[in-house]
Amino acid sequence: MPAGFKYDLNPIEKTMPELCRFETVYRLSGGFNLDTSNLNGVVRIPPMAPLVIDFKARTAKVVVNVEVAEKITAGTTTLKIKKGSFAYVGMHLGNGSNGGTIEAIDKTSNADYDTVTLAASPTLAAEVGSVLFEASAVAGKTPKVTANALNYAWTEAKEGASVTAVGQAYEIRTSKLLVPVSENDKTSLGDRFMFTY
């Protein structure tokens, strides 16, 4: 090994799946300062994570969504969500008609899911594979924010970090995304983004 070089033989990212047709990706000019206020404990933001961009202030905030790993019935207080989500305690989850507030998150399981505990008497219900969004209120009817861009590359979630935003991409493989995109996000992203299976 040459002097002064250090090789990382165990990289954080494994082989990345093809998330979209990368020749269709259009990156927005300049960077956007990352707002980390809702990213407690998050180390890195993956490519194609939904972002809400403030073009005037040149800031970007990650849109927090979770994918359901086990069917949720109304009245259930313990949910299983896909591992690796950016969910946090105190956040309201919603599906557009019902919601609940996260009271605790258990990430210790070696399975493909984290266990979320909701506050008492939730009315939230959802099927496996559906995407719940961060709601503006406990009723879960409206999203707190919706995406207007996607993240371009792996980005460290730390103060002073900046992201490169994707302003257009086609044939985005929804099933391969590392961070889910809700139906509300797809609507707000518009026809500049095409989502497939």
C-alpha atoms as a PDB file:
ATOM      1  CA  MET A   1       0.000   0.000   0.000  1.00  0.00           C
ATOM      2  CA  PRO A   2       1.506   3.359  -0.994  1.00  0.00           C
ATOM      3  CA  ALA A   3       2.394   5.729   1.804  1.00  0.00           C
ATOM      4  CA  GLY A   4      -0.302   8.287   2.590  1.00  0.00           C
ATOM      5  CA  PHE A   5      -3.158   6.326   1.019  1.00  0.00           C
ATOM      6  CA  LYS A   6      -5.906   4.703   3.020  1.00  0.00           C
ATOM      7  CA  TYR A   7      -8.324   2.360   1.303  1.00  0.00           C
ATOM      8  CA  ASP A   8     -11.823   1.741   2.630  1.00  0.00           C
ATOM      9  CA  LEU A   9     -12.488  -1.915   1.890  1.00  0.00           C
ATOM     10  CA  ASN A  10     -15.898  -1.807   3.576  1.00  0.00           C
ATOM     11  CA  PRO A  11     -17.780   1.130   2.014  1.00  0.00           C
ATOM     12  CA  ILE A  12     -21.027   2.370   3.586  1.00  0.00           C
ATOM     13  CA  GLU A  13     -22.940   2.043   0.323  1.00  0.00           C
ATOM     14  CA  LYS A  14     -23.252  -1.339  -1.280  1.00  0.00           C
ATOM     15  CA  THR A  15     -23.786  -1.636  -5.012  1.00  0.00           C
ATOM     16  CA  MET A  16     -26.466   0.892  -5.906  1.00  0.00           C
ATOM     17  CA  PRO A  17     -29.470  -0.345  -7.851  1.00  0.00           C
ATOM     18  CA  GLU A  18     -30.405   1.609 -10.971  1.00  0.00           C
ATOM     19  CA  LEU A  19     -32.953   4.057  -9.559  1.00  0.00           C
ATOM     20  CA  CYS A  20     -33.921   5.722 -12.846  1.00  0.00           C
ATOM     21  CA  ARG A  21     -32.749   6.374 -16.381  1.00  0.00           C
ATOM     22  CA  PHE A  22     -29.778   8.518 -15.408  1.00  0.00           C
ATOM     23  CA  GLU A  23     -29.356   9.974 -18.881  1.00  0.00           C
ATOM     24  CA  THR A  24     -32.708  11.726 -18.295  1.00  0.00           C
ATOM     25  CA  VAL A  25     -31.580  13.355 -15.029  1.00  0.00           C
ATOM     26  CA  TYR A  26     -31.385  17.146 -15.072  1.00  0.00           C
ATOM     27  CA  ARG A  27     -29.524  18.678 -12.123  1.00  0.00           C
ATOM     28  CA  LEU A  28     -30.420  22.148 -10.913  1.00  0.00           C
ATOM     29  CA  SER A  29     -27.622  24.727 -10.973  1.00  0.00           C
ATOM     30  CA  GLY A  30     -25.724  25.388  -7.765  1.00  0.00           C
ATOM     31  CA  GLY A  31     -26.161  23.724  -4.407  1.00  0.00           C
ATOM     32  CA  PHE A  32     -28.808  24.103  -1.712  1.00  0.00           C
ATOM     33  CA  ASN A  33     -27.939  24.338   1.983  1.00  0.00           C
ATOM     34  CA  LEU A  34     -29.331  21.312   3.815  1.00  0.00           C
ATOM     35  CA  ASP A  35     -31.777  22.004   6.646  1.00  0.00           C
ATOM     36  CA  THR A  36     -31.095  19.232   9.192  1.00  0.00           C
ATOM     37  CA  SER A  37     -33.725  20.284  11.749  1.00  0.00           C
ATOM     38  CA  ASN A  38     -35.853  17.169  11.112  1.00  0.00           C
ATOM     39  CA  LEU A  39     -32.985  14.701  10.620  1.00  0.00           C
ATOM     40  CA  ASN A  40     -32.136  13.604  14.176  1.00  0.00           C
ATOM     41  CA  GLY A  41     -29.882  10.551  14.011  1.00  0.00           C
ATOM     42  CA  VAL A  42     -29.789  10.459  10.202  1.00  0.00           C
ATOM     43  CA  VAL A  43     -26.249   9.989   8.900  1.00  0.00           C
ATOM     44  CA  ARG A  44     -26.646  10.153   5.124  1.00  0.00           C
ATOM     45  CA  ILE A  45     -29.330  11.072   2.613  1.00  0.00           C
ATOM     46  CA  PRO A  46     -29.521   8.729  -0.389  1.00  0.00           C
ATOM     47  CA  PRO A  47     -30.030   9.596  -4.052  1.00  0.00           C
ATOM     48  CA  MET A  48     -33.613  10.258  -5.163  1.00  0.00           C
ATOM     49  CA  ALA A  49     -34.781  11.175  -1.646  1.00  0.00           C
ATOM     50  CA  PRO A  50     -37.642  13.701  -1.909  1.00  0.00           C
ATOM     51  CA  LEU A  51     -36.692  17.306  -1.133  1.00  0.00           C
ATOM     52  CA  VAL A  52     -38.560  20.555  -0.712  1.00  0.00           C
ATOM     53  CA  ILE A  53     -36.419  23.335  -2.136  1.00  0.00           C
ATOM     54  CA  ASP A  54     -36.667  27.014  -1.244  1.00  0.00           C
ATOM     55  CA  PHE A  55     -35.189  28.616  -4.351  1.00  0.00           C
ATOM     56  CA  LYS A  56     -35.032  32.120  -2.869  1.00  0.00           C
ATOM     57  CA  ALA A  57     -33.234  31.086   0.343  1.00  0.00           C
ATOM     58  CA  ARG A  58     -31.248  28.319  -1.469  1.00  0.00           C
ATOM     59  CA  THR A  59     -32.176  25.740   1.182  1.00  0.00           C
ATOM     60  CA  ALA A  60     -33.328  22.120   0.979  1.00  0.00           C
ATOM     61  CA  LYS A  61     -35.269  20.039   3.482  1.00  0.00           C
ATOM     62  CA  VAL A  62     -35.834  16.289   3.268  1.00  0.00           C
ATOM     63  CA  VAL A  63     -39.479  15.231   2.982  1.00  0.00           C
ATOM     64  CA  VAL A  64     -40.094  12.491   5.560  1.00  0.00           C
ATOM     65  CA  ASN A  65     -42.175   9.518   4.399  1.00  0.00           C
ATOM     66  CA  VAL A  66     -42.354   5.922   5.649  1.00  0.00           C
ATOM     67  CA  GLU A  67     -43.203   2.683   3.844  1.00  0.00           C
ATOM     68  CA  VAL A  68     -45.547   0.252   5.610  1.00  0.00           C
ATOM     69  CA  ALA A  69     -43.958  -3.188   6.194  1.00  0.00           C
ATOM     70  CA  GLU A  70     -46.978  -4.882   7.784  1.00  0.00           C
ATOM     71  CA  LYS A  71     -50.707  -4.147   7.369  1.00  0.00           C
ATOM     72  CA  ILE A  72     -51.983  -1.510   9.800  1.00  0.00           C
ATOM     73  CA  THR A  73     -55.559  -1.712  11.058  1.00  0.00           C
ATOM     74  CA  ALA A  74     -57.386   1.145  12.777  1.00  0.00           C
ATOM     75  CA  GLY A  75     -56.759   1.063  16.521  1.00  0.00           C
ATOM     76  CA  THR A  76     -53.306  -0.537  16.198  1.00  0.00           C
ATOM     77  CA  THR A  77     -50.667   1.331  18.193  1.00  0.00           C
ATOM     78  CA  THR A  78     -47.631  -0.675  17.027  1.00  0.00           C
ATOM     79  CA  LEU A  79     -46.602  -0.335  13.359  1.00  0.00           C
ATOM     80  CA  LYS A  80     -43.871  -1.980  11.324  1.00  0.00           C
ATOM     81  CA  ILE A  81     -42.245   0.343   8.804  1.00  0.00           C
ATOM     82  CA  LYS A  82     -39.429  -0.288   6.335  1.00  0.00           C
ATOM     83  CA  LYS A  83     -36.016   0.075   7.959  1.00  0.00           C
ATOM     84  CA  GLY A  84     -33.978   3.197   7.205  1.00  0.00           C
ATOM     85  CA  SER A  85     -36.777   5.753   7.333  1.00  0.00           C
ATOM     86  CA  PHE A  86     -36.226   9.302   8.612  1.00  0.00           C
ATOM     87  CA  ALA A  87     -39.208   9.112  10.998  1.00  0.00           C
ATOM     88  CA  TYR A  88     -38.758  10.746  14.407  1.00  0.00           C
ATOM     89  CA  VAL A  89     -40.534  10.843  17.765  1.00  0.00           C
ATOM     90  CA  GLY A  90     -43.304  13.478  17.869  1.00  0.00           C
ATOM     91  CA  MET A  91     -43.920  13.351  14.127  1.00  0.00           C
ATOM     92  CA  HIS A  92     -47.499  12.968  12.863  1.00  0.00           C
ATOM     93  CA  LEU A  93     -48.038  10.191  10.294  1.00  0.00           C
ATOM     94  CA  GLY A  94     -50.902  10.382   7.832  1.00  0.00           C
ATOM     95  CA  ASN A  95     -52.446   8.600   4.865  1.00  0.00           C
ATOM     96  CA  GLY A  96     -54.743  11.416   3.700  1.00  0.00           C
ATOM     97  CA  SER A  97     -57.775  10.449   5.738  1.00  0.00           C
ATOM     98  CA  ASN A  98     -56.425   9.309   9.123  1.00  0.00           C
ATOM     99  CA  GLY A  99     -53.316   9.722  11.238  1.00  0.00           C
ATOM    100  CA  GLY A 100     -51.387   9.170  14.434  1.00  0.00           C
ATOM    101  CA  THR A 101     -48.424  10.607  16.362  1.00  0.00           C
ATOM    102  CA  ILE A 102     -45.157   8.703  16.838  1.00  0.00           C
ATOM    103  CA  GLU A 103     -44.424   8.111  20.513  1.00  0.00           C
ATOM    104  CA  ALA A 104     -41.407   5.766  20.184  1.00  0.00           C
ATOM    105  CA  ILE A 105     -39.260   4.087  17.495  1.00  0.00           C
ATOM    106  CA  ASP A 106     -37.425   0.766  18.000  1.00  0.00           C
ATOM    107  CA  LYS A 107     -34.635   0.309  15.441  1.00  0.00           C
ATOM    108  CA  THR A 108     -32.912  -2.635  17.184  1.00  0.00           C
ATOM    109  CA  SER A 109     -34.502  -5.412  15.110  1.00  0.00           C
ATOM    110  CA  ASN A 110     -32.286  -7.172  12.574  1.00  0.00           C
ATOM    111  CA  ALA A 111     -35.311  -7.641  10.324  1.00  0.00           C
ATOM    112  CA  ASP A 112     -36.158  -5.338   7.401  1.00  0.00           C
ATOM    113  CA  TYR A 113     -38.409  -3.163   9.550  1.00  0.00           C
ATOM    114  CA  ASP A 114     -38.430  -0.762  12.500  1.00  0.00           C
ATOM    115  CA  THR A 115     -41.226  -0.806  15.051  1.00  0.00           C
ATOM    116  CA  VAL A 116     -43.060   2.453  15.647  1.00  0.00           C
ATOM    117  CA  THR A 117     -45.361   3.048  18.616  1.00  0.00           C
ATOM    118  CA  LEU A 118     -48.161   5.553  18.119  1.00  0.00           C
ATOM    119  CA  ALA A 119     -49.883   7.566  20.828  1.00  0.00           C
ATOM    120  CA  ALA A 120     -53.106   6.086  22.202  1.00  0.00           C
ATOM    121  CA  SER A 121     -56.275   5.752  20.110  1.00  0.00           C
ATOM    122  CA  PRO A 122     -54.858   6.261  16.593  1.00  0.00           C
ATOM    123  CA  THR A 123     -57.198   5.883  13.657  1.00  0.00           C
ATOM    124  CA  LEU A 124     -54.459   5.205  11.090  1.00  0.00           C
ATOM    125  CA  ALA A 125     -54.872   2.249   8.697  1.00  0.00           C
ATOM    126  CA  ALA A 126     -52.737   1.232   5.691  1.00  0.00           C
ATOM    127  CA  GLU A 127     -51.770  -1.708   3.486  1.00  0.00           C
ATOM    128  CA  VAL A 128     -48.295  -3.247   3.083  1.00  0.00           C
ATOM    129  CA  GLY A 129     -46.144  -1.214   0.680  1.00  0.00           C
ATOM    130  CA  SER A 130     -48.189   1.961   0.989  1.00  0.00           C
ATOM    131  CA  VAL A 131     -46.394   5.193   1.850  1.00  0.00           C
ATOM    132  CA  LEU A 132     -47.388   7.323   4.838  1.00  0.00           C
ATOM    133  CA  PHE A 133     -46.340  10.975   4.904  1.00  0.00           C
ATOM    134  CA  GLU A 134     -45.379  13.420   7.634  1.00  0.00           C
ATOM    135  CA  ALA A 135     -48.678  15.140   8.344  1.00  0.00           C
ATOM    136  CA  SER A 136     -49.214  18.726   9.425  1.00  0.00           C
ATOM    137  CA  ALA A 137     -51.569  17.579  12.222  1.00  0.00           C
ATOM    138  CA  VAL A 138     -52.480  14.387  14.086  1.00  0.00           C
ATOM    139  CA  ALA A 139     -55.576  13.904  11.889  1.00  0.00           C
ATOM    140  CA  GLY A 140     -53.197  12.923   9.033  1.00  0.00           C
ATOM    141  CA  LYS A 141     -55.177  14.614   6.277  1.00  0.00           C
ATOM    142  CA  THR A 142     -52.577  16.963   4.770  1.00  0.00           C
ATOM    143  CA  PRO A 143     -48.801  16.636   4.365  1.00  0.00           C
ATOM    144  CA  LYS A 144     -46.523  18.988   6.290  1.00  0.00           C
ATOM    145  CA  VAL A 145     -44.545  19.561   3.072  1.00  0.00           C
ATOM    146  CA  THR A 146     -44.407  18.016  -0.394  1.00  0.00           C
ATOM    147  CA  ALA A 147     -41.413  17.532  -2.649  1.00  0.00           C
ATOM    148  CA  ASN A 148     -40.510  19.795  -5.547  1.00  0.00           C
ATOM    149  CA  ALA A 149     -37.163  18.080  -6.313  1.00  0.00           C
ATOM    150  CA  LEU A 150     -35.177  14.920  -5.563  1.00  0.00           C
ATOM    151  CA  ASN A 151     -31.676  14.479  -4.135  1.00  0.00           C
ATOM    152  CA  TYR A 152     -28.921  13.740  -6.668  1.00  0.00           C
ATOM    153  CA  ALA A 153     -26.202  11.924  -4.687  1.00  0.00           C
ATOM    154  CA  TRP A 154     -25.359  10.517  -1.264  1.00  0.00           C
ATOM    155  CA  THR A 155     -25.064  13.475   1.119  1.00  0.00           C
ATOM    156  CA  GLU A 156     -23.882  13.587   4.726  1.00  0.00           C
ATOM    157  CA  ALA A 157     -26.632  14.920   6.989  1.00  0.00           C
ATOM    158  CA  LYS A 158     -24.611  17.483   8.904  1.00  0.00           C
ATOM    159  CA  GLU A 159     -24.618  21.214   9.515  1.00  0.00           C
ATOM    160  CA  GLY A 160     -23.117  23.100   6.574  1.00  0.00           C
ATOM    161  CA  ALA A 161     -23.820  20.327   4.049  1.00  0.00           C
ATOM    162  CA  SER A 162     -25.275  21.168   0.681  1.00  0.00           C
ATOM    163  CA  VAL A 163     -27.247  19.040  -1.755  1.00  0.00           C
ATOM    164  CA  THR A 164     -27.481  18.917  -5.511  1.00  0.00           C
ATOM    165  CA  ALA A 165     -31.126  18.811  -6.532  1.00  0.00           C
ATOM    166  CA  VAL A 166     -32.644  16.870  -9.419  1.00  0.00           C
ATOM    167  CA  GLY A 167     -35.154  18.930 -11.385  1.00  0.00           C
ATOM    168  CA  GLN A 168     -36.148  16.179 -13.818  1.00  0.00           C
ATOM    169  CA  ALA A 169     -35.853  12.386 -14.066  1.00  0.00           C
ATOM    170  CA  TYR A 170     -37.721   9.692 -15.977  1.00  0.00           C
ATOM    171  CA  GLU A 171     -38.460   6.010 -15.369  1.00  0.00           C
ATOM    172  CA  ILE A 172     -37.847   6.305 -11.633  1.00  0.00           C
ATOM    173  CA  ARG A 173     -38.162   2.803 -10.182  1.00  0.00           C
ATOM    174  CA  THR A 174     -40.391   3.282  -7.165  1.00  0.00           C
ATOM    175  CA  SER A 175     -39.683  -0.217  -5.823  1.00  0.00           C
ATOM    176  CA  LYS A 176     -35.908   0.461  -5.785  1.00  0.00           C
ATOM    177  CA  LEU A 177     -35.983   3.822  -3.981  1.00  0.00           C
ATOM    178  CA  LEU A 178     -34.159   3.905  -0.641  1.00  0.00           C
ATOM    179  CA  VAL A 179     -36.482   6.646   0.664  1.00  0.00           C
ATOM    180  CA  PRO A 180     -40.153   6.368  -0.359  1.00  0.00           C
ATOM    181  CA  VAL A 181     -41.957   9.060  -2.322  1.00  0.00           C
ATOM    182  CA  SER A 182     -45.634   9.586  -1.427  1.00  0.00           C
ATOM    183  CA  GLU A 183     -48.465  10.094  -3.906  1.00  0.00           C
ATOM    184  CA  ASN A 184     -48.675  13.716  -2.738  1.00  0.00           C
ATOM    185  CA  ASP A 185     -44.984  14.176  -3.602  1.00  0.00           C
ATOM    186  CA  LYS A 186     -45.500  12.647  -7.040  1.00  0.00           C
ATOM    187  CA  THR A 187     -48.307  15.139  -7.674  1.00  0.00           C
ATOM    188  CA  SER A 188     -46.253  18.132  -6.521  1.00  0.00           C
ATOM    189  CA  LEU A 189     -43.190  16.974  -8.519  1.00  0.00           C
ATOM    190  CA  GLY A 190     -45.343  17.077 -11.639  1.00  0.00           C
ATOM    191  CA  ASP A 191     -44.653  15.771 -15.120  1.00  0.00           C
ATOM    192  CA  ARG A 192     -40.934  16.532 -14.874  1.00  0.00           C
ATOM    193  CA  PHE A 193     -40.686  13.203 -13.032  1.00  0.00           C
ATOM    194  CA  MET A 194     -41.966   9.870 -14.308  1.00  0.00           C
ATOM    195  CA  PHE A 195     -42.414   7.050 -11.787  1.00  0.00           C
ATOM    196  CA  THR A 196     -42.710   3.396 -12.776  1.00  0.00           C
ATOM    197  CA  TYR A 197     -43.091   0.182 -10.720  1.00  0.00           C
END
